[in-house]
Amino acid sequence: MLKNHSLTSIIFARRRRALQRSVENPFDAQNKILRYLLRKGRHTVFGRDHGFDNIKSYDDYRRLVPLRRYEDIKVYIERLLHGERNVLWPEKINYFSKSSGTTGSKSKYIPVSNSALNKCHYRGGRSLLACYFAQNLNSNLLLGQNFALGGSKQADEIGDGKYIADVSVILMKKLPWWAQLRRSPRFSVAAMSEWEEKLSRISEIIAYQNIVSLSGVPSWNLALAKKILEITGKSTLREVWPKLELFIHGGTSMAPYREQFKSLVGADDMNYLEVYNASEGFFAFQDKLERNDMLLFVDGGVFYEFLPMEEINKPKPRALGLDEVELNKNYALVISTNAGLWRYIIGDTIKFTSLKPFRIVITGRTKSFINACGEELVVENADEAVKEACRQTESLVKEYMAAPLFGEGNEAVACHQWIFEFEKAPADLDAFGVYLDIELRRRNSDYEAKRHKDMNLGTPRIIIARENLFYDWLKQKKRLGGQSKVPRLANDREIIESLLSLNNERMSLEEKETSNVLAL
């Protein structure tokens, strides 16, 4: 019988070799993909509208095809939704990933083609596993059940056989049979739409299986882990699943949750890998366990461009090719995909940590930042500062959100208002705030300059949220589970005011109930 490491070497050898070639020749890989995309798209409605026949180079493409957000490509997607073919991509599109963003705003329908599934999403997953098995020759991933906590299938609102769901559900539904054998739970449970019932059903099923890996958004996996421990009466996940070895996470930064996971797993040999897998495609993955960044996936049918943040609000912004990027600079990610998204601004911001090979970290969202006084605070800064403040005060943050708070009167300065829901509150909240401020200064020179002597930006103001505030807010917005999350930062007060209102509403109710009890 073949040993486990021999089996994985055979299964993933071809993918590993192809990945290595693309890593060594990234510009060739990207040029090949652009030629492939333009060739496939030339006879589509979009291709004819934008003169694909006249595009001979990347400069031609950049000149003839404008950058787009969802609102700019929506007219084409609506034609797809109504059954028209050959609009954005020369394949019949039956699958759409439904996304309403982090704020519960109007839905977006992202087309998912068979090419995108096979050459991007699944190829990206195989690449991640190829790298993981190469570093873990005695891995048990092929010997147990692998659990993925995804979103839900939506109601078929548009007819014509269109399947609408979170991309995670589409990926699970379309997995080949041999991959389905090692996935848990069964699809009918995994795709349930009612989150609380789904969490209970899943927990009851997987609590007594041989689970070897978990995957999904960190916050929702934490909720699942606690439910599992409650059901089994165990103290740690490793007691429940002795062979558990890997958590594949994405959607939000792992930094604020890492210590909670370590505590719940109860073992130091657990492995953690980050993936950048969105509705629009599979873009990057952590190829080295010892690193904290991700390898840009350059051979997955996606052509990448990078929009400097100083360009993003210009009438004619100029995006850069892979050969033009710099280290440690924030870019908005622009993609062209084998599902027919052309020069599409996805809404995420990244920076390069390495140019040989190309490695990135996600720094936030183009709409998730604070810039009240020119401080340009991004999510990456916030996550790392919160992590350090927790370390210094031996506390654990469950969720948080921050927004600018503008003073009243001529002499008052603005500040950042933070609302934290703690798993373990700090003994000294003032000390937590001090460490948070120090770390933000250390990581962001613009923030440090604006905080000088409190002249432009005042001391952070911290509010402790009641238990389950963020969960209740998502429930109110009908956004429980899946890829849903509350944005960490916002440059306006709309979201934080709704959180504060819900927080105060419940606290007032609890105070009233307490008064009634005392009166009795």
Protein backbone atom coordinates (compact mmCIF):
# COMPACT_ATOMS: atom_id res chain seq x y z
CA MET A 1 0.00 0.00 0.00
CA LEU A 2 1.26 3.49 -0.84
CA LYS A 3 2.17 5.65 2.12
CA ASN A 4 0.19 8.84 2.52
CA HIS A 5 3.06 11.12 1.46
CA SER A 6 3.65 9.01 -1.67
CA LEU A 7 -0.01 9.25 -2.61
CA THR A 8 -0.15 13.03 -2.22
CA SER A 9 3.08 13.41 -4.19
CA ILE A 10 1.55 11.53 -7.12
CA ILE A 11 -1.80 13.35 -7.00
CA PHE A 12 -0.36 16.87 -6.82
CA ALA A 13 2.93 16.50 -8.72
CA ARG A 14 1.64 17.96 -12.00
CA ARG A 15 0.00 20.93 -10.30
CA ARG A 16 3.13 21.59 -8.26
CA ARG A 17 5.31 21.66 -11.39
CA ALA A 18 2.92 24.00 -13.25
CA LEU A 19 2.72 26.31 -10.26
CA GLN A 20 6.50 26.45 -10.01
CA ARG A 21 6.79 27.41 -13.70
CA SER A 22 4.34 30.28 -13.22
CA VAL A 23 6.16 31.48 -10.11
CA GLU A 24 9.47 31.52 -12.01
CA ASN A 25 7.93 33.23 -15.07
CA PRO A 26 5.04 35.37 -13.75
CA PHE A 27 5.07 37.91 -16.59
CA ASP A 28 4.86 35.16 -19.21
CA ALA A 29 2.00 33.56 -17.30
CA GLN A 30 0.07 36.84 -17.08
CA ASN A 31 0.65 37.77 -20.74
CA LYS A 32 -0.56 34.33 -21.79
CA ILE A 33 -3.72 34.76 -19.71
CA LEU A 34 -4.45 38.20 -21.17
CA ARG A 35 -4.13 36.83 -24.71
CA TYR A 36 -6.41 33.92 -23.80
CA LEU A 37 -9.05 36.19 -22.25
CA LEU A 38 -9.09 38.58 -25.23
CA ARG A 39 -9.27 35.71 -27.71
CA LYS A 40 -12.21 34.13 -25.87
CA GLY A 41 -13.97 37.44 -25.35
CA ARG A 42 -13.56 39.03 -28.79
CA HIS A 43 -16.95 37.85 -30.15
CA THR A 44 -18.96 38.57 -27.00
CA VAL A 45 -21.21 41.61 -26.74
CA PHE A 46 -18.69 43.25 -24.42
CA GLY A 47 -15.78 42.40 -26.74
CA ARG A 48 -17.49 43.93 -29.76
CA ASP A 49 -18.49 47.02 -27.76
CA HIS A 50 -14.87 47.61 -26.77
CA GLY A 51 -13.00 46.72 -29.94
CA PHE A 52 -11.22 43.60 -28.75
CA ASP A 53 -10.22 42.90 -32.36
CA ASN A 54 -8.03 46.02 -32.21
CA ILE A 55 -6.21 45.06 -29.01
CA LYS A 56 -2.68 43.86 -29.70
CA SER A 57 -1.00 44.65 -26.37
CA TYR A 58 -1.65 45.43 -22.71
CA ASP A 59 -1.31 49.14 -23.50
CA ASP A 60 -4.09 48.79 -26.09
CA TYR A 61 -6.25 46.99 -23.53
CA ARG A 62 -5.61 49.66 -20.93
CA ARG A 63 -6.46 52.38 -23.47
CA LEU A 64 -9.62 50.89 -25.00
CA VAL A 65 -11.30 49.30 -21.98
CA PRO A 66 -12.14 51.61 -19.04
CA LEU A 67 -11.84 50.49 -15.43
CA ARG A 68 -15.17 49.38 -14.03
CA ARG A 69 -17.05 48.89 -10.77
CA TYR A 70 -20.16 46.76 -10.44
CA GLU A 71 -22.48 49.62 -11.36
CA ASP A 72 -20.60 50.02 -14.66
CA ILE A 73 -20.92 46.38 -15.69
CA LYS A 74 -24.37 45.76 -14.22
CA VAL A 75 -26.16 46.34 -17.54
CA TYR A 76 -24.28 43.38 -19.05
CA ILE A 77 -24.89 41.15 -16.03
CA GLU A 78 -28.62 41.87 -16.15
CA ARG A 79 -28.68 40.59 -19.72
CA LEU A 80 -27.03 37.39 -18.50
CA LEU A 81 -29.58 37.05 -15.71
CA HIS A 82 -32.35 37.22 -18.28
CA GLY A 83 -30.91 34.33 -20.24
CA GLU A 84 -28.95 36.07 -23.00
CA ARG A 85 -25.77 34.27 -23.99
CA ASN A 86 -22.34 35.42 -25.15
CA VAL A 87 -22.63 38.73 -23.32
CA LEU A 88 -19.47 38.84 -21.20
CA TRP A 89 -18.01 35.38 -21.76
CA PRO A 90 -18.65 32.72 -24.45
CA GLU A 91 -20.11 30.15 -22.08
CA LYS A 92 -23.62 29.66 -20.78
CA ILE A 93 -23.66 31.18 -17.29
CA ASN A 94 -26.02 29.37 -14.92
CA TYR A 95 -24.29 30.20 -11.64
CA PHE A 96 -24.20 33.57 -9.94
CA SER A 97 -22.58 34.40 -6.64
CA LYS A 98 -24.85 36.75 -4.74
CA SER A 99 -23.12 39.36 -2.65
CA SER A 100 -24.59 42.30 -0.82
CA GLY A 101 -21.30 43.52 0.60
CA THR A 102 -20.57 44.17 4.25
CA THR A 103 -23.32 46.69 4.87
CA GLY A 104 -26.36 44.80 3.60
CA SER A 105 -26.73 47.11 0.62
CA LYS A 106 -28.21 46.22 -2.77
CA SER A 107 -27.27 42.76 -4.02
CA LYS A 108 -24.59 42.08 -6.59
CA TYR A 109 -24.76 39.08 -8.89
CA ILE A 110 -21.29 37.91 -9.90
CA PRO A 111 -21.22 35.50 -12.88
CA VAL A 112 -19.43 32.20 -12.22
CA SER A 113 -18.48 30.28 -15.37
CA ASN A 114 -17.33 26.68 -15.63
CA SER A 115 -13.93 28.01 -16.71
CA ALA A 116 -13.72 30.11 -13.56
CA LEU A 117 -14.64 27.12 -11.41
CA ASN A 118 -12.18 24.71 -12.98
CA LYS A 119 -9.25 26.91 -14.01
CA CYS A 120 -9.39 29.41 -11.18
CA HIS A 121 -11.17 28.33 -7.98
CA TYR A 122 -10.42 24.59 -8.06
CA ARG A 123 -6.96 25.04 -9.57
CA GLY A 124 -6.21 27.50 -6.78
CA GLY A 125 -7.36 24.99 -4.18
CA ARG A 126 -5.19 22.26 -5.70
CA SER A 127 -2.22 24.64 -5.71
CA LEU A 128 -2.69 25.37 -2.02
CA LEU A 129 -2.87 21.66 -1.20
CA ALA A 130 0.15 20.90 -3.38
CA CYS A 131 2.21 23.39 -1.35
CA TYR A 132 0.79 22.19 1.96
CA PHE A 133 1.45 18.49 1.33
CA ALA A 134 5.00 19.30 0.21
CA GLN A 135 5.59 20.75 3.69
CA ASN A 136 3.60 18.07 5.56
CA LEU A 137 4.55 14.66 4.22
CA ASN A 138 2.60 12.86 6.94
CA SER A 139 -0.59 14.92 6.63
CA ASN A 140 -3.91 13.19 7.38
CA LEU A 141 -6.05 15.41 5.16
CA LEU A 142 -6.80 12.54 2.77
CA LEU A 143 -7.67 10.16 5.62
CA GLY A 144 -10.46 12.09 7.35
CA GLN A 145 -13.35 14.47 6.70
CA ASN A 146 -12.71 18.08 5.67
CA PHE A 147 -15.25 20.62 6.88
CA ALA A 148 -16.05 23.86 5.05
CA LEU A 149 -18.40 26.40 6.62
CA GLY A 150 -19.95 28.24 3.70
CA GLY A 151 -22.91 30.43 2.95
CA SER A 152 -26.33 29.48 1.64
CA LYS A 153 -28.29 28.88 -1.54
CA GLN A 154 -30.64 31.76 -2.27
CA ALA A 155 -34.17 31.65 -3.58
CA ASP A 156 -34.21 31.33 -7.37
CA GLU A 157 -35.51 34.85 -7.87
CA ILE A 158 -35.02 35.14 -11.61
CA GLY A 159 -36.04 31.77 -13.01
CA ASP A 160 -34.50 30.32 -16.18
CA GLY A 161 -32.64 27.72 -14.12
CA LYS A 162 -30.21 30.24 -12.66
CA TYR A 163 -28.55 29.05 -9.46
CA ILE A 164 -27.86 31.85 -6.99
CA ALA A 165 -25.75 31.26 -3.89
CA ASP A 166 -22.69 32.29 -1.95
CA VAL A 167 -19.64 31.28 -3.96
CA SER A 168 -18.73 28.78 -1.24
CA VAL A 169 -21.99 26.90 -1.89
CA ILE A 170 -21.44 26.90 -5.65
CA LEU A 171 -17.94 25.49 -5.10
CA MET A 172 -19.29 22.74 -2.83
CA LYS A 173 -22.11 21.86 -5.23
CA LYS A 174 -19.80 21.54 -8.23
CA LEU A 175 -17.00 19.58 -6.54
CA PRO A 176 -16.15 16.30 -8.32
CA TRP A 177 -17.50 13.14 -6.67
CA TRP A 178 -14.14 12.06 -5.31
CA ALA A 179 -13.73 15.37 -3.48
CA GLN A 180 -17.29 15.15 -2.13
CA LEU A 181 -16.37 11.88 -0.38
CA ARG A 182 -13.96 13.73 1.92
CA ARG A 183 -16.19 16.76 2.58
CA SER A 184 -18.64 17.17 5.46
CA PRO A 185 -21.52 17.74 6.03
CA ARG A 186 -23.67 16.65 3.10
CA PHE A 187 -24.56 19.41 0.66
CA SER A 188 -28.24 19.74 1.67
CA VAL A 189 -27.14 20.73 5.19
CA ALA A 190 -24.14 22.82 4.14
CA ALA A 191 -26.35 24.99 1.89
CA MET A 192 -29.14 25.61 4.40
CA SER A 193 -30.23 29.26 4.44
CA GLU A 194 -31.35 29.70 8.07
CA TRP A 195 -28.07 30.24 9.91
CA GLU A 196 -28.98 29.31 13.50
CA GLU A 197 -30.70 26.07 12.49
CA LYS A 198 -27.84 25.32 10.12
CA LEU A 199 -25.23 25.82 12.87
CA SER A 200 -27.06 23.39 15.14
CA ARG A 201 -27.50 20.75 12.43
CA ILE A 202 -23.88 20.97 11.30
CA SER A 203 -22.58 20.79 14.87
CA GLU A 204 -24.62 17.68 15.63
CA ILE A 205 -23.26 15.98 12.52
CA ILE A 206 -19.57 16.81 12.60
CA ALA A 207 -19.10 16.60 16.38
CA TYR A 208 -18.78 12.82 16.05
CA GLN A 209 -16.87 12.60 12.77
CA ASN A 210 -13.14 12.40 12.12
CA ILE A 211 -12.66 16.04 11.10
CA VAL A 212 -9.10 16.79 9.98
CA SER A 213 -9.49 20.34 8.61
CA LEU A 214 -11.74 23.37 8.93
CA SER A 215 -12.20 26.20 6.45
CA GLY A 216 -14.14 29.45 6.24
CA VAL A 217 -14.43 32.89 7.83
CA PRO A 218 -12.71 32.98 11.27
CA SER A 219 -15.59 34.57 13.21
CA TRP A 220 -18.19 32.03 12.07
CA ASN A 221 -15.82 29.11 12.66
CA LEU A 222 -15.33 30.38 16.20
CA ALA A 223 -19.08 30.25 16.72
CA LEU A 224 -19.11 26.70 15.37
CA ALA A 225 -16.18 25.64 17.58
CA LYS A 226 -17.93 26.86 20.72
CA LYS A 227 -21.10 25.01 19.71
CA ILE A 228 -19.09 21.81 19.19
CA LEU A 229 -17.53 22.08 22.66
CA GLU A 230 -20.94 22.76 24.17
CA ILE A 231 -22.44 19.65 22.53
CA THR A 232 -19.57 17.31 23.37
CA GLY A 233 -18.69 18.64 26.81
CA LYS A 234 -15.02 18.69 25.82
CA SER A 235 -12.56 21.45 26.66
CA THR A 236 -10.71 21.67 23.34
CA LEU A 237 -11.29 20.82 19.69
CA ARG A 238 -8.31 18.48 19.68
CA GLU A 239 -10.14 16.37 22.29
CA VAL A 240 -13.11 16.20 19.92
CA TRP A 241 -11.04 15.66 16.76
CA PRO A 242 -7.61 14.16 17.61
CA LYS A 243 -6.47 14.33 13.95
CA LEU A 244 -7.45 17.98 13.38
CA GLU A 245 -4.44 19.64 11.75
CA LEU A 246 -5.42 22.59 9.53
CA PHE A 247 -7.62 25.67 9.45
CA ILE A 248 -7.91 27.35 6.03
CA HIS A 249 -9.24 30.84 6.61
CA GLY A 250 -10.23 33.89 4.56
CA GLY A 251 -12.76 36.69 4.33
CA THR A 252 -11.35 38.65 7.26
CA SER A 253 -7.95 38.91 8.90
CA MET A 254 -7.07 36.11 11.28
CA ALA A 255 -5.06 38.44 13.53
CA PRO A 256 -7.82 39.37 16.03
CA TYR A 257 -8.98 35.74 16.31
CA ARG A 258 -5.73 33.77 16.38
CA GLU A 259 -5.34 33.57 20.16
CA GLN A 260 -8.98 32.49 20.59
CA PHE A 261 -8.45 29.71 18.06
CA LYS A 262 -5.28 28.54 19.74
CA SER A 263 -7.13 28.36 23.04
CA LEU A 264 -10.09 26.46 21.59
CA VAL A 265 -7.94 24.03 19.57
CA GLY A 266 -5.75 23.32 22.57
CA ALA A 267 -2.64 22.33 20.59
CA ASP A 268 0.46 24.13 19.37
CA ASP A 269 0.89 21.99 16.24
CA MET A 270 -2.27 23.24 14.50
CA ASN A 271 -1.58 24.73 11.06
CA TYR A 272 -3.21 27.89 9.69
CA LEU A 273 -3.31 28.95 6.04
CA GLU A 274 -4.88 32.09 4.57
CA VAL A 275 -6.58 32.14 1.18
CA TYR A 276 -7.83 35.03 -0.92
CA ASN A 277 -10.79 33.36 -2.59
CA ALA A 278 -13.66 35.70 -3.45
CA SER A 279 -16.86 35.51 -5.50
CA GLU A 280 -14.88 36.88 -8.43
CA GLY A 281 -12.03 34.38 -8.30
CA PHE A 282 -9.18 32.71 -6.43
CA PHE A 283 -6.37 35.28 -6.25
CA ALA A 284 -3.74 34.26 -3.70
CA PHE A 285 -2.91 31.73 -1.00
CA GLN A 286 -0.41 31.23 1.78
CA ASP A 287 2.12 28.85 0.29
CA LYS A 288 4.51 28.80 3.27
CA LEU A 289 3.36 27.97 6.79
CA GLU A 290 6.09 30.10 8.32
CA ARG A 291 5.07 33.26 6.38
CA ASN A 292 2.19 35.66 6.96
CA ASP A 293 1.69 36.71 3.34
CA MET A 294 0.19 35.01 0.28
CA LEU A 295 1.54 33.97 -3.10
CA LEU A 296 -0.22 35.78 -5.95
CA PHE A 297 -1.90 33.10 -8.09
CA VAL A 298 -0.78 34.10 -11.58
CA ASP A 299 -1.87 31.03 -13.59
CA GLY A 300 -5.55 30.80 -12.63
CA GLY A 301 -7.26 32.49 -15.57
CA VAL A 302 -7.18 35.95 -13.94
CA PHE A 303 -5.25 38.92 -15.34
CA TYR A 304 -4.26 41.37 -12.62
CA GLU A 305 -3.82 45.12 -12.55
CA PHE A 306 -3.11 47.37 -9.61
CA LEU A 307 -4.58 50.82 -9.10
CA PRO A 308 -2.55 53.17 -6.86
CA MET A 309 -4.82 54.64 -4.21
CA GLU A 310 -3.94 58.19 -5.25
CA GLU A 311 -5.44 57.37 -8.67
CA ILE A 312 -8.69 55.84 -7.53
CA ASN A 313 -10.85 58.98 -7.55
CA LYS A 314 -9.40 60.51 -10.70
CA PRO A 315 -11.66 60.82 -13.79
CA LYS A 316 -9.29 58.59 -15.79
CA PRO A 317 -7.33 56.51 -13.28
CA ARG A 318 -4.31 54.60 -14.56
CA ALA A 319 -3.83 51.06 -13.33
CA LEU A 320 -0.44 49.33 -13.39
CA GLY A 321 0.66 45.97 -14.69
CA LEU A 322 2.49 43.43 -12.56
CA ASP A 323 5.85 44.65 -13.86
CA GLU A 324 5.17 48.18 -12.57
CA VAL A 325 4.27 47.57 -8.90
CA GLU A 326 6.31 48.54 -5.86
CA LEU A 327 6.77 47.03 -2.42
CA ASN A 328 4.68 48.17 0.56
CA LYS A 329 2.37 50.43 -1.39
CA ASN A 330 -1.43 50.21 -1.23
CA TYR A 331 -3.19 49.26 -4.47
CA ALA A 332 -6.81 48.63 -5.30
CA LEU A 333 -6.98 45.26 -7.03
CA VAL A 334 -8.26 45.22 -10.63
CA ILE A 335 -9.11 41.92 -12.33
CA SER A 336 -10.07 40.54 -15.74
CA THR A 337 -11.44 37.00 -15.43
CA ASN A 338 -12.52 33.91 -17.31
CA ALA A 339 -16.08 34.60 -16.18
CA GLY A 340 -16.24 37.89 -18.11
CA LEU A 341 -15.30 40.55 -15.56
CA TRP A 342 -13.21 43.04 -17.54
CA ARG A 343 -10.89 45.50 -15.74
CA TYR A 344 -13.13 45.15 -12.70
CA ILE A 345 -12.26 47.01 -9.48
CA ILE A 346 -13.06 44.35 -6.93
CA GLY A 347 -13.05 46.67 -3.92
CA ASP A 348 -10.11 45.15 -1.99
CA THR A 349 -6.78 46.82 -1.33
CA ILE A 350 -3.49 44.93 -1.19
CA LYS A 351 0.21 45.59 -0.91
CA PHE A 352 3.19 43.60 -2.10
CA THR A 353 5.50 42.11 0.52
CA SER A 354 7.73 40.44 -2.08
CA LEU A 355 8.36 40.94 -5.80
CA LYS A 356 10.25 37.70 -6.41
CA PRO A 357 8.03 35.80 -6.13
CA PHE A 358 5.03 38.12 -6.00
CA ARG A 359 3.48 37.92 -2.54
CA ILE A 360 0.74 40.10 -1.10
CA VAL A 361 -1.26 40.88 2.02
CA ILE A 362 -4.80 42.23 2.02
CA THR A 363 -4.80 45.67 3.62
CA GLY A 364 -8.53 46.42 3.55
CA ARG A 365 -11.32 47.61 1.32
CA THR A 366 -11.45 50.68 -0.92
CA LYS A 367 -14.42 51.81 1.20
CA SER A 368 -13.16 50.49 4.56
CA PHE A 369 -10.74 53.04 5.98
CA ILE A 370 -10.66 56.17 8.14
CA ASN A 371 -9.27 59.39 6.73
CA ALA A 372 -10.88 62.10 8.85
CA CYS A 373 -7.70 64.22 9.07
CA GLY A 374 -5.37 62.69 6.50
CA GLU A 375 -4.37 59.73 8.69
CA GLU A 376 -5.30 57.13 6.04
CA LEU A 377 -5.88 54.33 8.55
CA VAL A 378 -6.50 50.97 6.84
CA VAL A 379 -7.77 47.65 8.18
CA GLU A 380 -4.32 46.06 8.23
CA ASN A 381 -3.10 48.77 10.65
CA ALA A 382 -6.17 48.32 12.84
CA ASP A 383 -6.04 44.52 13.00
CA GLU A 384 -2.39 44.46 14.01
CA ALA A 385 -2.85 47.25 16.59
CA VAL A 386 -5.81 45.44 18.16
CA LYS A 387 -3.79 42.22 18.25
CA GLU A 388 -0.93 43.97 20.08
CA ALA A 389 -3.26 45.74 22.53
CA CYS A 390 -4.81 42.37 23.36
CA ARG A 391 -1.37 40.83 23.91
CA GLN A 392 -0.27 43.62 26.21
CA THR A 393 -3.45 43.53 28.32
CA GLU A 394 -4.11 39.77 28.19
CA SER A 395 -7.51 40.35 26.62
CA LEU A 396 -9.37 38.84 23.67
CA VAL A 397 -11.44 40.79 21.17
CA LYS A 398 -14.45 39.09 19.62
CA GLU A 399 -15.39 41.86 17.15
CA TYR A 400 -14.70 45.55 16.67
CA MET A 401 -15.52 48.52 14.48
CA ALA A 402 -14.22 52.10 14.31
CA ALA A 403 -15.26 55.37 12.67
CA PRO A 404 -14.36 59.06 12.98
CA LEU A 405 -16.03 61.15 15.67
CA PHE A 406 -15.98 64.86 14.95
CA GLY A 407 -15.82 67.32 17.83
CA GLU A 408 -18.17 70.21 18.37
CA GLY A 409 -16.99 73.81 18.46
CA ASN A 410 -13.95 75.49 16.98
CA GLU A 411 -11.48 74.08 19.48
CA ALA A 412 -12.61 70.46 19.44
CA VAL A 413 -10.60 67.99 17.35
CA ALA A 414 -11.76 64.82 15.70
CA CYS A 415 -10.92 61.38 17.08
CA HIS A 416 -11.57 57.75 16.28
CA GLN A 417 -14.41 56.07 18.11
CA TRP A 418 -13.99 52.31 18.59
CA ILE A 419 -16.63 49.84 19.71
CA PHE A 420 -15.24 46.52 20.99
CA GLU A 421 -17.03 43.32 21.87
CA PHE A 422 -14.62 41.40 24.09
CA GLU A 423 -14.35 37.68 24.60
CA LYS A 424 -12.14 38.52 27.58
CA ALA A 425 -12.20 42.19 28.59
CA PRO A 426 -8.98 43.91 29.69
CA ALA A 427 -8.62 44.57 33.40
CA ASP A 428 -7.65 48.15 32.54
CA LEU A 429 -9.54 49.57 29.54
CA ASP A 430 -7.47 52.77 29.60
CA ALA A 431 -4.29 50.72 29.22
CA PHE A 432 -5.85 48.87 26.29
CA GLY A 433 -6.57 52.23 24.63
CA VAL A 434 -3.02 53.43 25.22
CA TYR A 435 -1.48 50.32 23.65
CA LEU A 436 -3.91 50.56 20.73
CA ASP A 437 -2.89 54.16 20.10
CA ILE A 438 0.84 53.41 20.43
CA GLU A 439 0.65 50.56 17.94
CA LEU A 440 -1.37 52.61 15.45
CA ARG A 441 1.28 55.33 15.65
CA ARG A 442 4.03 52.77 15.12
CA ARG A 443 2.37 51.24 12.07
CA ASN A 444 1.05 54.37 10.36
CA SER A 445 3.22 57.48 10.06
CA ASP A 446 0.29 59.60 8.85
CA TYR A 447 -1.69 58.64 11.94
CA GLU A 448 1.33 59.41 14.12
CA ALA A 449 1.72 62.86 12.55
CA LYS A 450 -1.97 63.72 13.04
CA ARG A 451 -1.84 62.54 16.67
CA HIS A 452 1.10 64.85 17.51
CA LYS A 453 0.11 66.76 20.66
CA ASP A 454 -3.54 66.00 19.89
CA MET A 455 -3.52 68.92 17.47
CA ASN A 456 -5.39 67.28 14.59
CA LEU A 457 -6.57 63.97 15.99
CA GLY A 458 -7.47 63.21 19.57
CA THR A 459 -7.08 60.14 21.75
CA PRO A 460 -9.11 57.11 20.63
CA ARG A 461 -12.44 56.76 22.40
CA ILE A 462 -13.45 53.23 23.28
CA ILE A 463 -16.91 51.83 23.97
CA ILE A 464 -17.47 48.31 25.27
CA ALA A 465 -20.28 46.59 23.41
CA ARG A 466 -22.76 44.29 25.06
CA GLU A 467 -22.50 40.57 24.38
CA ASN A 468 -23.53 39.46 20.87
CA LEU A 469 -23.99 43.01 19.56
CA PHE A 470 -22.28 42.31 16.23
CA TYR A 471 -24.13 39.01 15.81
CA ASP A 472 -27.45 40.76 16.45
CA TRP A 473 -26.58 43.53 14.00
CA LEU A 474 -25.86 40.99 11.24
CA LYS A 475 -29.06 39.13 12.13
CA GLN A 476 -31.02 42.37 11.89
CA LYS A 477 -29.52 42.90 8.43
CA LYS A 478 -30.31 39.27 7.47
CA ARG A 479 -26.58 38.64 6.93
CA LEU A 480 -25.78 35.79 9.32
CA GLY A 481 -23.21 33.20 8.28
CA GLY A 482 -21.25 32.61 5.11
CA GLN A 483 -18.94 35.41 4.05
CA SER A 484 -20.87 38.11 5.91
CA LYS A 485 -19.09 40.44 8.30
CA VAL A 486 -19.25 43.91 9.76
CA PRO A 487 -16.64 46.24 8.23
CA ARG A 488 -13.80 47.03 10.60
CA LEU A 489 -13.45 50.67 9.57
CA ALA A 490 -15.69 53.27 7.95
CA ASN A 491 -15.04 56.88 7.03
CA ASP A 492 -18.60 57.86 7.91
CA ARG A 493 -20.76 57.10 10.94
CA GLU A 494 -23.68 55.24 9.36
CA ILE A 495 -22.70 51.74 10.50
CA ILE A 496 -21.27 52.65 13.90
CA GLU A 497 -24.37 54.71 14.72
CA SER A 498 -26.59 51.71 13.93
CA LEU A 499 -24.38 49.54 16.15
CA LEU A 500 -24.48 52.07 18.97
CA SER A 501 -28.24 52.42 18.64
CA LEU A 502 -28.72 48.65 18.85
CA ASN A 503 -26.28 48.47 21.74
CA ASN A 504 -28.09 51.21 23.69
CA GLU A 505 -31.51 49.81 22.83
CA ARG A 506 -30.74 46.41 24.35
CA MET A 507 -28.94 47.88 27.36
CA SER A 508 -31.91 50.15 28.08
CA LEU A 509 -34.23 47.16 27.86
CA GLU A 510 -32.04 45.18 30.26
CA GLU A 511 -31.98 48.11 32.70
CA LYS A 512 -35.77 48.33 32.53
CA GLU A 513 -36.13 44.59 33.18
CA THR A 514 -33.75 44.87 36.15
CA SER A 515 -35.79 47.77 37.57
CA ASN A 516 -38.97 45.73 37.23
CA VAL A 517 -37.40 42.81 39.09
CA LEU A 518 -36.19 45.10 41.88
CA ALA A 519 -39.64 46.68 42.13
CA LEU A 520 -41.19 43.25 42.65
